[in-house]
Amino acid sequence: MDDRYDVVVVGGGAAGLSGALALARARRRVLVVDAGRPRNAPAGQAHNFLTRDGVAPARLLAVGRDEVTGYGGEVVDATAEEATRDGDGFVVRLGDGRAVRARRLLVTTGCVDELPDVPGLAGRWGRDVLHCPYCHGWEVRDRRIGVLATGAAGVAQAHLWRQWSPHVTLLLHDVAAPGDEEAERLAARQIPVVDGPVAALEVTGDALTGVRLADGEVIGLDALVVASRAVASAGVLASLGLAPVDAGAGAQVPADASGATAVPGVWVAGNVADVRAQVITAAAAGSTAAAAINADLVAADTDAAVRRHRHDLATMFEREGWEQRYGQRPALWSGRVNPQLAAEAGDLAPGRALDVGCGEGADALWLARRGWRVTAVDIAGTALRRAAAHAAEAGEAVADRITFQRADLREQPPAAGGYDLVSAQFMHLPGVQRRRLFARLADAVAPGGTLLIVGHDPADLRDTAHRAHFPELMYTAREVAADLDPGRWEVLVAEARPRAVVDHDGRDVTHHDAVLVARRRDPAGAPGVAVAGG
């Protein structure tokens, strides 16, 4: 078990497992911490759960665990003792001494039922001492049902249970007799009223047979209905300052419709947030909370991505960024000439060439071997040292035709009109910086010379082989051509040129290179690119 999770779910009942399932399917790292004390453990079956009606509670949870772990979620049998804030997340300390970290918490620890102090009652809870007609009414239909009135809701309970059986008796345990109007309504429904209090349960073998009143009278029954007071099990929440509040039928932790509590990053679901929730209601609440948690994490992930994106844009094309990338690998590039340079410069008469962003020197060596005198410029010293070494390996005839220069052409523009070929292969900068640099590169082309600019076309953002997603850096050849003054330039090529590549999964895909080839025809040597504000 790792100690860092997107979500730690405290409580492995229907709500917790349902939430964990939705989160695991959303590809979140999820840990369910379960103490193994479900509220409905004494019950033989769970009901009103569509397609799972009558399932044993333990079986329902076992299947739920398998589904969660099948999607990569983790389940640990442990208690969560406390949770404390840890930056934007939480540290959850388990009863066995371990600590796990979570970006978000979903607490589904259920509730406990406070039962009347009647001898024998607690031992029959969930079997033939019941509380919910929707959970158990069908199983005791037409049987003798006693309703133990311990508060004002007792009369209403008797009327409700009368739906399942004509043999319902109202037992006045520690409440006053109903008034005349209510007595008439009970009589009309044929519900007898018996004065209490109830002293004990009568059990024969392993079955309830009745209750014994304080005066010794025994009332024959097959089931006893008790209105328990449910109190949310909020121990781990207490360490975060959350406590149950009275909600009529019991005490529960306040939350909004999604389960979000007053503590940012903490959600609740199931009986801890709704003491009246049945199993299917709790499961639905867990799923609802999971969707809200995932949406919250998506927003947080997006905010973090924006910060990284801005940082990368501000640093990745600076000298330190390039030095770092070159330092991570002995060779960053393939060592082969860029294909569009070979395609467009192969038939040009050799002259003076400027290789912009020369990297490890493959293009400069290709040009030098064909008779060009090359100024190879790069911002990274590591790249230039590697390029110089490759040139030396190629022999003196090649090396003597290349001058390597470390410069940032944004700050140290090349000489105006100094080159018969200016080649910028995949020079990507944010829009304004790029247009200003391209204007300087165009200005460096001699009359009759060639400007060759090749970049990643924006269409490449849509294929699986593209590694970096920076729309701000992409451009089309037509966008570059639009900045050239047609009176000074003849645009020979401005297109997205397809190139076959293999993506990270070994699939053949097509890249599109933005290729701009233009010839300078202005003998005055004035700048050939107009840049707004530049």
Protein backbone atom coordinates (compact mmCIF):
# COMPACT_ATOMS: atom_id res chain seq x y z
CA MET A 1 0.00 0.00 0.00
CA ASP A 2 1.38 3.36 -1.04
CA ASP A 3 0.73 6.31 1.25
CA ARG A 4 -0.56 8.83 -1.30
CA TYR A 5 -4.02 8.71 -2.80
CA ASP A 6 -6.35 11.00 -4.65
CA VAL A 7 -9.15 9.99 -2.30
CA VAL A 8 -9.27 8.06 0.95
CA VAL A 9 -12.73 6.66 1.64
CA VAL A 10 -13.32 6.06 5.34
CA GLY A 11 -15.99 3.40 5.67
CA GLY A 12 -16.57 0.41 3.40
CA GLY A 13 -20.35 0.09 3.40
CA ALA A 14 -22.67 0.66 0.46
CA ALA A 15 -21.96 4.40 0.35
CA GLY A 16 -18.19 4.09 0.63
CA LEU A 17 -17.81 1.27 -1.87
CA SER A 18 -20.16 2.94 -4.34
CA GLY A 19 -18.14 6.15 -4.11
CA ALA A 20 -14.86 4.26 -4.39
CA LEU A 21 -16.12 2.39 -7.44
CA ALA A 22 -17.04 5.59 -9.26
CA LEU A 23 -13.70 7.17 -8.36
CA ALA A 24 -11.67 4.12 -9.38
CA ARG A 25 -13.48 4.07 -12.71
CA ALA A 26 -12.54 7.73 -13.04
CA ARG A 27 -8.91 6.54 -12.80
CA ARG A 28 -8.35 8.03 -9.38
CA ARG A 29 -6.07 6.39 -6.82
CA VAL A 30 -8.52 5.33 -4.13
CA LEU A 31 -8.09 3.68 -0.76
CA VAL A 32 -11.06 2.38 1.25
CA VAL A 33 -10.41 2.09 4.99
CA ASP A 34 -13.04 -0.17 6.54
CA ALA A 35 -13.41 -1.13 10.19
CA GLY A 36 -15.79 -3.99 9.32
CA ARG A 37 -18.74 -2.85 11.44
CA PRO A 38 -21.65 -2.24 9.05
CA ARG A 39 -24.90 -1.03 10.59
CA ASN A 40 -26.93 -3.79 8.92
CA ALA A 41 -24.59 -6.65 9.88
CA PRO A 42 -27.26 -8.36 12.07
CA ALA A 43 -29.77 -8.41 9.21
CA GLY A 44 -30.05 -11.52 7.09
CA GLN A 45 -30.98 -9.64 3.92
CA ALA A 46 -30.95 -6.19 2.37
CA HIS A 47 -34.01 -5.06 0.43
CA ASN A 48 -35.23 -2.43 -2.02
CA PHE A 49 -31.89 -2.50 -3.83
CA LEU A 50 -32.88 -2.97 -7.45
CA THR A 51 -31.38 -6.18 -8.92
CA ARG A 52 -29.95 -7.02 -5.48
CA ASP A 53 -33.15 -7.39 -3.44
CA GLY A 54 -32.73 -9.98 -0.73
CA VAL A 55 -28.96 -10.09 -0.90
CA ALA A 56 -27.10 -10.82 2.32
CA PRO A 57 -25.39 -7.61 3.52
CA ALA A 58 -22.03 -9.36 3.80
CA ARG A 59 -22.36 -10.67 0.25
CA LEU A 60 -23.24 -7.21 -1.08
CA LEU A 61 -20.12 -5.73 0.49
CA ALA A 62 -17.90 -8.59 -0.71
CA VAL A 63 -19.06 -8.08 -4.29
CA GLY A 64 -18.59 -4.34 -3.88
CA ARG A 65 -15.02 -4.80 -2.72
CA ASP A 66 -14.25 -7.02 -5.69
CA GLU A 67 -15.65 -4.41 -8.07
CA VAL A 68 -13.60 -1.62 -6.50
CA THR A 69 -10.35 -3.59 -6.52
CA GLY A 70 -11.10 -4.77 -10.06
CA TYR A 71 -10.69 -1.17 -11.20
CA GLY A 72 -7.48 -0.65 -9.25
CA GLY A 73 -8.92 0.65 -6.00
CA GLU A 74 -7.47 -0.59 -2.72
CA VAL A 75 -9.28 -1.76 0.39
CA VAL A 76 -7.68 -2.14 3.80
CA ASP A 77 -9.26 -3.57 6.95
CA ALA A 78 -8.45 -0.95 9.54
CA THR A 79 -9.92 1.91 11.53
CA ALA A 80 -9.29 5.55 10.73
CA GLU A 81 -8.43 7.19 14.03
CA GLU A 82 -8.03 10.81 12.94
CA ALA A 83 -7.53 13.05 9.93
CA THR A 84 -5.50 16.23 9.91
CA ARG A 85 -4.94 18.90 7.30
CA ASP A 86 -1.76 18.50 5.23
CA GLY A 87 -1.44 21.45 2.86
CA ASP A 88 -4.30 21.13 0.39
CA GLY A 89 -4.91 17.53 1.46
CA PHE A 90 -5.07 15.36 4.54
CA VAL A 91 -3.16 12.81 6.56
CA VAL A 92 -5.29 9.93 7.83
CA ARG A 93 -3.85 7.96 10.73
CA LEU A 94 -4.96 4.35 10.98
CA GLY A 95 -5.41 2.27 14.08
CA ASP A 96 -2.44 0.05 13.20
CA GLY A 97 -0.10 3.05 13.22
CA ARG A 98 0.10 3.67 9.49
CA ALA A 99 -0.53 7.07 7.98
CA VAL A 100 -1.87 7.68 4.48
CA ARG A 101 -2.20 10.92 2.57
CA ALA A 102 -5.22 11.97 0.58
CA ARG A 103 -6.03 14.92 -1.61
CA ARG A 104 -9.70 14.51 -0.68
CA LEU A 105 -11.71 12.58 1.91
CA LEU A 106 -15.03 10.77 1.57
CA VAL A 107 -16.33 9.73 4.99
CA THR A 108 -19.04 7.07 4.98
CA THR A 109 -18.80 5.73 8.52
CA GLY A 110 -22.55 5.29 8.93
CA CYS A 111 -24.34 5.64 12.23
CA VAL A 112 -25.09 3.76 15.43
CA ASP A 113 -28.57 3.04 16.72
CA GLU A 114 -29.37 3.99 20.28
CA LEU A 115 -31.96 1.45 21.45
CA PRO A 116 -34.41 1.53 24.35
CA ASP A 117 -33.10 -0.12 27.49
CA VAL A 118 -35.27 -3.23 27.38
CA PRO A 119 -33.67 -6.54 28.41
CA GLY A 120 -33.13 -8.84 25.44
CA LEU A 121 -33.93 -6.18 22.84
CA ALA A 122 -30.40 -5.46 21.57
CA GLY A 123 -29.70 -9.14 20.98
CA ARG A 124 -32.65 -9.43 18.58
CA TRP A 125 -31.86 -6.20 16.69
CA GLY A 126 -32.05 -6.64 12.95
CA ARG A 127 -33.65 -10.07 13.23
CA ASP A 128 -37.13 -9.79 14.73
CA VAL A 129 -36.59 -6.44 16.44
CA LEU A 130 -37.01 -4.08 13.52
CA HIS A 131 -37.16 -0.39 12.71
CA CYS A 132 -37.86 0.13 8.97
CA PRO A 133 -40.99 -1.23 7.28
CA TYR A 134 -39.43 -0.74 3.85
CA CYS A 135 -36.49 -2.88 4.88
CA HIS A 136 -38.38 -5.60 6.76
CA GLY A 137 -42.12 -5.14 6.34
CA TRP A 138 -42.58 -7.70 3.59
CA GLU A 139 -40.79 -10.37 5.62
CA VAL A 140 -43.23 -9.99 8.55
CA ARG A 141 -46.38 -9.36 6.50
CA ASP A 142 -49.55 -10.60 8.16
CA ARG A 143 -47.60 -11.49 11.31
CA ARG A 144 -48.17 -10.17 14.85
CA ILE A 145 -46.25 -6.90 15.03
CA GLY A 146 -45.79 -4.82 18.15
CA VAL A 147 -44.78 -1.15 17.89
CA LEU A 148 -42.82 0.00 20.95
CA ALA A 149 -43.84 3.64 21.40
CA THR A 150 -40.99 5.57 22.98
CA GLY A 151 -41.88 8.99 21.62
CA ALA A 152 -44.33 11.03 19.64
CA ALA A 153 -43.59 9.05 16.45
CA GLY A 154 -44.95 5.80 17.89
CA VAL A 155 -48.55 6.33 16.73
CA ALA A 156 -47.39 7.20 13.20
CA GLN A 157 -45.26 4.07 13.14
CA ALA A 158 -48.25 1.93 14.10
CA HIS A 159 -50.29 3.36 11.22
CA LEU A 160 -47.38 2.80 8.82
CA TRP A 161 -46.78 -0.82 9.80
CA ARG A 162 -50.50 -1.48 9.48
CA GLN A 163 -49.86 -1.42 5.74
CA TRP A 164 -48.02 -4.74 6.03
CA SER A 165 -50.15 -6.54 8.58
CA PRO A 166 -53.64 -6.36 10.12
CA HIS A 167 -52.16 -7.58 13.42
CA VAL A 168 -50.40 -4.46 14.71
CA THR A 169 -50.37 -3.55 18.41
CA LEU A 170 -49.25 -0.21 19.82
CA LEU A 171 -47.26 -0.70 23.05
CA LEU A 172 -47.13 2.43 25.20
CA HIS A 173 -43.67 1.94 26.65
CA ASP A 174 -42.92 5.33 28.17
CA VAL A 175 -45.39 7.70 26.50
CA ALA A 176 -48.83 8.93 27.43
CA ALA A 177 -51.96 7.45 25.92
CA PRO A 178 -53.09 9.03 22.64
CA GLY A 179 -55.77 11.70 22.71
CA ASP A 180 -59.38 11.07 21.76
CA GLU A 181 -58.97 11.91 18.08
CA GLU A 182 -55.88 9.76 17.66
CA ALA A 183 -57.47 6.94 19.65
CA GLU A 184 -60.38 7.01 17.22
CA ARG A 185 -58.01 6.80 14.24
CA LEU A 186 -56.21 3.83 15.80
CA ALA A 187 -59.51 2.11 16.49
CA ALA A 188 -60.64 2.71 12.93
CA ARG A 189 -57.52 0.93 11.72
CA GLN A 190 -58.08 -1.88 14.25
CA ILE A 191 -54.82 -1.20 16.08
CA PRO A 192 -55.11 -2.11 19.77
CA VAL A 193 -53.31 0.07 22.31
CA VAL A 194 -51.62 -1.60 25.30
CA ASP A 195 -50.37 0.28 28.34
CA GLY A 196 -46.77 -0.45 29.25
CA PRO A 197 -44.07 -0.27 30.04
CA VAL A 198 -42.47 -3.32 28.42
CA ALA A 199 -40.17 -5.09 30.85
CA ALA A 200 -38.56 -7.75 28.66
CA LEU A 201 -38.75 -9.79 25.48
CA GLU A 202 -40.06 -13.32 25.40
CA VAL A 203 -37.92 -15.63 23.28
CA THR A 204 -38.46 -19.32 22.60
CA GLY A 205 -35.61 -21.16 20.94
CA ASP A 206 -34.23 -18.48 18.67
CA ALA A 207 -37.42 -16.62 17.88
CA LEU A 208 -39.30 -13.75 19.45
CA THR A 209 -42.66 -14.87 20.80
CA GLY A 210 -43.80 -11.76 22.61
CA VAL A 211 -43.08 -9.09 25.21
CA ARG A 212 -43.68 -9.11 28.93
CA LEU A 213 -45.15 -5.99 30.47
CA ALA A 214 -44.11 -4.59 33.81
CA ASP A 215 -47.24 -6.08 35.39
CA GLY A 216 -46.30 -9.53 34.10
CA GLU A 217 -48.76 -9.74 31.22
CA VAL A 218 -47.31 -11.28 28.05
CA ILE A 219 -48.36 -9.97 24.67
CA GLY A 220 -47.80 -12.51 21.92
CA LEU A 221 -45.78 -11.10 19.00
CA ASP A 222 -43.70 -12.26 16.04
CA ALA A 223 -41.86 -8.97 15.55
CA LEU A 224 -41.19 -5.87 17.59
CA VAL A 225 -40.74 -2.45 15.98
CA VAL A 226 -38.47 0.00 17.75
CA ALA A 227 -37.79 3.63 16.86
CA SER A 228 -34.07 3.84 17.44
CA ARG A 229 -32.25 7.13 17.61
CA ALA A 230 -29.52 7.04 15.00
CA VAL A 231 -26.35 9.03 15.64
CA ALA A 232 -23.71 9.52 12.96
CA SER A 233 -20.41 7.74 13.61
CA ALA A 234 -18.29 10.82 13.19
CA GLY A 235 -15.13 10.00 15.12
CA VAL A 236 -12.69 10.69 12.30
CA LEU A 237 -14.62 13.84 11.42
CA ALA A 238 -14.30 15.21 14.93
CA SER A 239 -10.57 15.68 14.36
CA LEU A 240 -11.50 18.01 11.49
CA GLY A 241 -13.99 20.01 13.57
CA LEU A 242 -17.13 18.35 12.17
CA ALA A 243 -19.81 17.05 14.52
CA PRO A 244 -23.32 15.61 14.10
CA VAL A 245 -26.31 17.89 14.65
CA ASP A 246 -29.87 16.92 15.51
CA ALA A 247 -32.02 16.18 12.46
CA GLY A 248 -35.23 14.93 14.08
CA ALA A 249 -34.76 11.22 13.44
CA GLY A 250 -31.24 11.39 14.81
CA ALA A 251 -27.98 13.29 14.58
CA GLN A 252 -26.11 13.59 11.29
CA VAL A 253 -23.23 15.58 9.82
CA PRO A 254 -24.44 18.60 7.83
CA ALA A 255 -23.58 18.58 4.12
CA ASP A 256 -24.90 19.95 0.84
CA ALA A 257 -26.66 17.89 -1.82
CA SER A 258 -23.34 16.54 -3.13
CA GLY A 259 -22.12 15.56 0.34
CA ALA A 260 -19.66 18.44 0.67
CA THR A 261 -19.14 19.50 4.28
CA ALA A 262 -18.09 22.83 5.74
CA VAL A 263 -14.47 21.64 5.61
CA PRO A 264 -13.07 22.06 2.08
CA GLY A 265 -12.01 18.72 0.65
CA VAL A 266 -14.21 16.60 2.91
CA TRP A 267 -17.37 14.88 1.71
CA VAL A 268 -19.81 12.62 3.57
CA ALA A 269 -22.34 10.10 2.28
CA GLY A 270 -24.70 7.44 3.58
CA ASN A 271 -26.02 7.31 7.13
CA VAL A 272 -23.33 9.62 8.49
CA ALA A 273 -25.02 12.37 6.48
CA ASP A 274 -28.57 10.99 6.33
CA VAL A 275 -29.59 8.72 9.18
CA ARG A 276 -32.75 7.68 7.28
CA ALA A 277 -30.90 6.47 4.20
CA GLN A 278 -31.52 2.91 3.10
CA VAL A 279 -28.82 0.84 1.44
CA ILE A 280 -29.69 1.91 -2.09
CA THR A 281 -29.99 5.55 -1.00
CA ALA A 282 -26.60 5.38 0.66
CA ALA A 283 -25.06 3.83 -2.45
CA ALA A 284 -26.52 6.59 -4.61
CA ALA A 285 -25.21 9.24 -2.23
CA GLY A 286 -21.74 7.70 -2.42
CA SER A 287 -21.82 7.86 -6.20
CA THR A 288 -23.05 11.46 -6.12
CA ALA A 289 -20.28 12.47 -3.74
CA ALA A 290 -17.70 10.69 -5.88
CA ALA A 291 -18.74 12.68 -8.94
CA ALA A 292 -18.44 15.92 -6.97
CA ILE A 293 -15.03 14.91 -5.62
CA ASN A 294 -13.76 14.01 -9.05
CA ALA A 295 -15.01 17.32 -10.46
CA ASP A 296 -13.21 19.12 -7.64
CA LEU A 297 -10.01 17.22 -8.39
CA VAL A 298 -10.36 17.92 -12.11
CA ALA A 299 -10.55 21.64 -11.31
CA ALA A 300 -7.50 21.37 -9.06
CA ASP A 301 -5.61 19.35 -11.67
CA THR A 302 -6.46 21.93 -14.30
CA ASP A 303 -5.26 24.80 -12.10
CA ALA A 304 -1.99 22.95 -11.50
CA ALA A 305 -1.65 22.22 -15.22
CA VAL A 306 -2.14 25.90 -16.04
CA ARG A 307 0.63 26.82 -13.61
CA ARG A 308 2.96 24.23 -15.17
CA HIS A 309 1.95 25.32 -18.66
CA ARG A 310 2.74 28.95 -17.91
CA HIS A 311 6.02 28.00 -16.27
CA ASP A 312 7.04 25.84 -19.23
CA LEU A 313 6.16 28.56 -21.72
CA ALA A 314 8.26 31.01 -19.74
CA THR A 315 11.28 28.75 -19.27
CA MET A 316 11.45 25.86 -21.74
CA PHE A 317 12.98 27.92 -24.56
CA GLU A 318 15.42 29.79 -22.37
CA ARG A 319 19.04 28.73 -22.11
CA GLU A 320 18.67 26.92 -18.78
CA GLY A 321 15.72 24.92 -20.09
CA TRP A 322 17.63 23.76 -23.15
CA GLU A 323 20.75 22.98 -21.12
CA GLN A 324 18.66 20.86 -18.80
CA ARG A 325 17.12 18.87 -21.66
CA TYR A 326 20.48 18.30 -23.33
CA GLY A 327 21.95 17.26 -19.99
CA GLN A 328 19.36 14.52 -19.51
CA ARG A 329 20.40 12.51 -22.58
CA PRO A 330 23.66 11.88 -24.44
CA ALA A 331 21.91 12.64 -27.74
CA LEU A 332 18.68 14.62 -27.93
CA TRP A 333 18.21 14.44 -31.71
CA SER A 334 18.49 11.69 -34.32
CA GLY A 335 21.68 12.93 -35.99
CA ARG A 336 19.92 12.97 -39.37
CA VAL A 337 19.26 16.07 -41.47
CA ASN A 338 15.79 17.55 -41.18
CA PRO A 339 13.87 16.17 -44.17
CA GLN A 340 12.40 19.49 -45.31
CA LEU A 341 15.85 21.10 -45.40
CA ALA A 342 17.10 18.25 -47.58
CA ALA A 343 14.06 18.57 -49.82
CA GLU A 344 14.28 22.35 -50.32
CA ALA A 345 18.02 23.07 -50.19
CA GLY A 346 19.34 20.08 -52.10
CA ASP A 347 19.32 21.93 -55.44
CA LEU A 348 20.36 25.37 -54.20
CA ALA A 349 23.75 26.73 -55.17
CA PRO A 350 25.99 26.72 -52.08
CA GLY A 351 26.69 30.02 -50.42
CA ARG A 352 26.43 31.43 -46.92
CA ALA A 353 23.89 29.66 -44.64
CA LEU A 354 22.52 30.48 -41.22
CA ASP A 355 21.37 27.39 -39.29
CA VAL A 356 19.06 28.72 -36.56
CA GLY A 357 18.84 26.51 -33.48
CA CYS A 358 21.43 24.11 -34.85
CA GLY A 359 21.19 21.67 -31.94
CA GLU A 360 23.71 18.86 -32.24
CA GLY A 361 24.71 19.90 -35.75
CA ALA A 362 23.10 17.45 -38.18
CA ASP A 363 21.77 20.18 -40.51
CA ALA A 364 24.98 22.20 -40.38
CA LEU A 365 27.05 19.13 -41.30
CA TRP A 366 24.68 18.29 -44.18
CA LEU A 367 25.02 21.81 -45.59
CA ALA A 368 28.80 21.94 -45.12
CA ARG A 369 29.26 18.65 -46.97
CA ARG A 370 27.47 20.27 -49.92
CA GLY A 371 29.79 23.25 -50.00
CA TRP A 372 27.91 25.78 -47.85
CA ARG A 373 29.72 28.00 -45.40
CA VAL A 374 27.52 27.66 -42.33
CA THR A 375 27.01 29.80 -39.26
CA ALA A 376 25.41 27.40 -36.80
CA VAL A 377 23.74 29.21 -33.91
CA ASP A 378 22.22 27.77 -30.75
CA ILE A 379 21.35 29.05 -27.30
CA ALA A 380 22.71 25.95 -25.51
CA GLY A 381 26.42 25.48 -24.99
CA THR A 382 26.01 21.71 -24.53
CA ALA A 383 24.41 21.40 -27.96
CA LEU A 384 27.19 23.41 -29.59
CA ARG A 385 29.92 21.31 -27.97
CA ARG A 386 28.29 18.15 -29.28
CA ALA A 387 27.85 19.70 -32.72
CA ALA A 388 31.51 20.75 -32.82
CA ALA A 389 32.55 17.23 -31.85
CA HIS A 390 30.46 15.76 -34.67
CA ALA A 391 31.99 18.26 -37.09
CA ALA A 392 35.49 17.25 -36.01
CA GLU A 393 34.60 13.60 -36.56
CA ALA A 394 33.40 14.50 -40.08
CA GLY A 395 36.87 15.76 -40.98
CA GLU A 396 38.68 19.03 -41.43
CA ALA A 397 37.12 19.78 -44.81
CA VAL A 398 33.66 19.81 -43.23
CA ALA A 399 34.57 21.32 -39.87
CA ASP A 400 36.37 24.28 -41.45
CA ARG A 401 33.18 25.29 -43.25
CA ILE A 402 31.15 25.64 -40.02
CA THR A 403 31.30 28.42 -37.47
CA PHE A 404 29.51 27.55 -34.23
CA GLN A 405 28.10 30.45 -32.26
CA ARG A 406 26.22 30.55 -28.97
CA ALA A 407 23.64 33.33 -29.17
CA ASP A 408 20.04 34.18 -28.42
CA LEU A 409 18.89 35.64 -31.74
CA ARG A 410 16.05 37.41 -29.99
CA GLU A 411 18.67 39.63 -28.37
CA GLN A 412 21.54 39.26 -30.87
CA PRO A 413 19.96 39.40 -34.33
CA PRO A 414 21.97 38.12 -37.29
CA ALA A 415 23.55 40.52 -39.73
CA ALA A 416 21.09 42.03 -42.19
CA GLY A 417 21.44 40.59 -45.70
CA GLY A 418 24.25 38.33 -44.57
CA TYR A 419 23.07 34.92 -45.79
CA ASP A 420 21.98 33.22 -48.99
CA LEU A 421 20.00 30.67 -46.96
CA VAL A 422 18.40 31.12 -43.57
CA SER A 423 17.03 27.86 -42.20
CA ALA A 424 14.93 27.69 -39.03
CA GLN A 425 13.82 24.13 -38.35
CA PHE A 426 11.14 23.77 -35.68
CA MET A 427 11.86 27.07 -33.99
CA HIS A 428 8.84 27.47 -31.73
CA LEU A 429 8.28 30.50 -29.54
CA PRO A 430 5.18 32.27 -28.21
CA GLY A 431 3.42 34.27 -30.93
CA VAL A 432 4.84 37.78 -30.55
CA GLN A 433 8.37 36.53 -29.88
CA ARG A 434 8.19 34.17 -32.86
CA ARG A 435 7.00 36.85 -35.29
CA ARG A 436 9.73 39.25 -34.18
CA LEU A 437 12.39 36.56 -34.55
CA PHE A 438 11.12 35.53 -37.98
CA ALA A 439 11.24 39.19 -39.02
CA ARG A 440 14.92 39.30 -38.06
CA LEU A 441 15.60 36.04 -39.87
CA ALA A 442 13.94 37.38 -42.98
CA ASP A 443 16.03 40.54 -42.70
CA ALA A 444 19.15 38.35 -42.61
CA VAL A 445 18.43 36.90 -46.08
CA ALA A 446 20.50 38.44 -48.88
CA PRO A 447 18.78 39.61 -52.11
CA GLY A 448 18.04 36.52 -54.15
CA GLY A 449 18.47 34.34 -51.08
CA THR A 450 16.08 31.81 -49.55
CA LEU A 451 14.16 31.82 -46.29
CA LEU A 452 13.20 28.34 -45.11
CA ILE A 453 11.03 28.06 -42.01
CA VAL A 454 9.69 24.67 -40.90
CA GLY A 455 7.56 24.05 -37.85
CA HIS A 456 4.92 21.82 -36.32
CA ASP A 457 1.56 22.52 -37.93
CA PRO A 458 -1.31 22.95 -35.41
CA ALA A 459 -2.96 19.88 -36.95
CA ASP A 460 -0.32 17.79 -35.18
CA LEU A 461 -1.91 18.62 -31.84
CA ARG A 462 -4.68 16.20 -32.76
CA ASP A 463 -2.58 13.09 -33.36
CA THR A 464 -1.20 10.63 -30.87
CA ALA A 465 2.47 11.11 -31.72
CA HIS A 466 2.67 14.71 -30.58
CA ARG A 467 4.36 14.89 -27.19
CA ALA A 468 3.87 18.48 -26.09
CA HIS A 469 0.60 20.38 -26.27
CA PHE A 470 1.36 24.07 -26.72
CA PRO A 471 -1.14 25.62 -29.15
CA GLU A 472 0.42 29.01 -28.47
CA LEU A 473 3.65 27.85 -30.12
CA MET A 474 2.21 26.25 -33.24
CA TYR A 475 1.81 28.03 -36.55
CA THR A 476 0.87 27.38 -40.13
CA ALA A 477 3.04 28.19 -43.12
CA ARG A 478 0.32 30.56 -44.38
CA GLU A 479 0.53 32.52 -41.13
CA VAL A 480 4.26 33.00 -41.66
CA ALA A 481 3.74 33.88 -45.32
CA ALA A 482 1.11 36.47 -44.42
CA ASP A 483 3.80 38.49 -42.60
CA LEU A 484 6.02 38.69 -45.68
CA ASP A 485 5.74 41.81 -47.81
CA PRO A 486 4.77 40.51 -51.30
CA GLY A 487 6.66 43.43 -52.85
CA ARG A 488 9.88 42.11 -51.37
CA TRP A 489 9.26 38.37 -51.26
CA GLU A 490 8.22 35.63 -53.62
CA VAL A 491 6.55 32.84 -51.65
CA LEU A 492 7.48 29.56 -53.34
CA VAL A 493 5.95 27.13 -50.82
CA ALA A 494 3.47 27.66 -48.00
CA GLU A 495 1.90 24.35 -47.06
CA ALA A 496 1.35 21.68 -44.45
CA ARG A 497 3.52 18.84 -45.71
CA PRO A 498 2.70 15.30 -44.48
CA ARG A 499 5.41 13.16 -42.91
CA ALA A 500 5.00 9.57 -41.71
CA VAL A 501 5.99 8.89 -38.10
CA VAL A 502 5.37 6.22 -35.47
CA ASP A 503 3.57 7.19 -32.26
CA HIS A 504 4.40 6.08 -28.71
CA ASP A 505 2.29 2.91 -29.06
CA GLY A 506 3.90 1.84 -32.32
CA ARG A 507 1.09 3.06 -34.57
CA ASP A 508 1.78 4.67 -37.93
CA VAL A 509 0.50 8.25 -37.97
CA THR A 510 1.07 11.32 -40.07
CA HIS A 511 2.68 14.55 -38.93
CA HIS A 512 2.26 17.76 -40.87
CA ASP A 513 5.22 20.10 -41.15
CA ALA A 514 4.43 23.75 -41.76
CA VAL A 515 6.84 24.55 -44.61
CA LEU A 516 7.52 28.12 -45.77
CA VAL A 517 9.98 28.69 -48.63
CA ALA A 518 10.39 32.26 -49.87
CA ARG A 519 12.92 34.04 -52.10
CA ARG A 520 13.93 37.61 -51.39
CA ARG A 521 13.63 39.84 -54.43
CA ASP A 522 14.16 43.31 -52.94
CA PRO A 523 17.67 44.50 -53.82
CA ALA A 524 17.36 47.35 -51.32
CA GLY A 525 17.77 44.97 -48.43
CA ALA A 526 14.89 46.46 -46.47
CA PRO A 527 13.16 44.17 -43.95
CA GLY A 528 10.80 41.75 -45.66
CA VAL A 529 8.47 41.14 -42.73
CA ALA A 530 6.05 43.61 -41.19
CA VAL A 531 5.31 42.84 -37.56
CA ALA A 532 2.53 44.63 -35.70
CA GLY A 533 4.02 46.47 -32.76
CA GLY A 534 7.41 44.96 -33.54
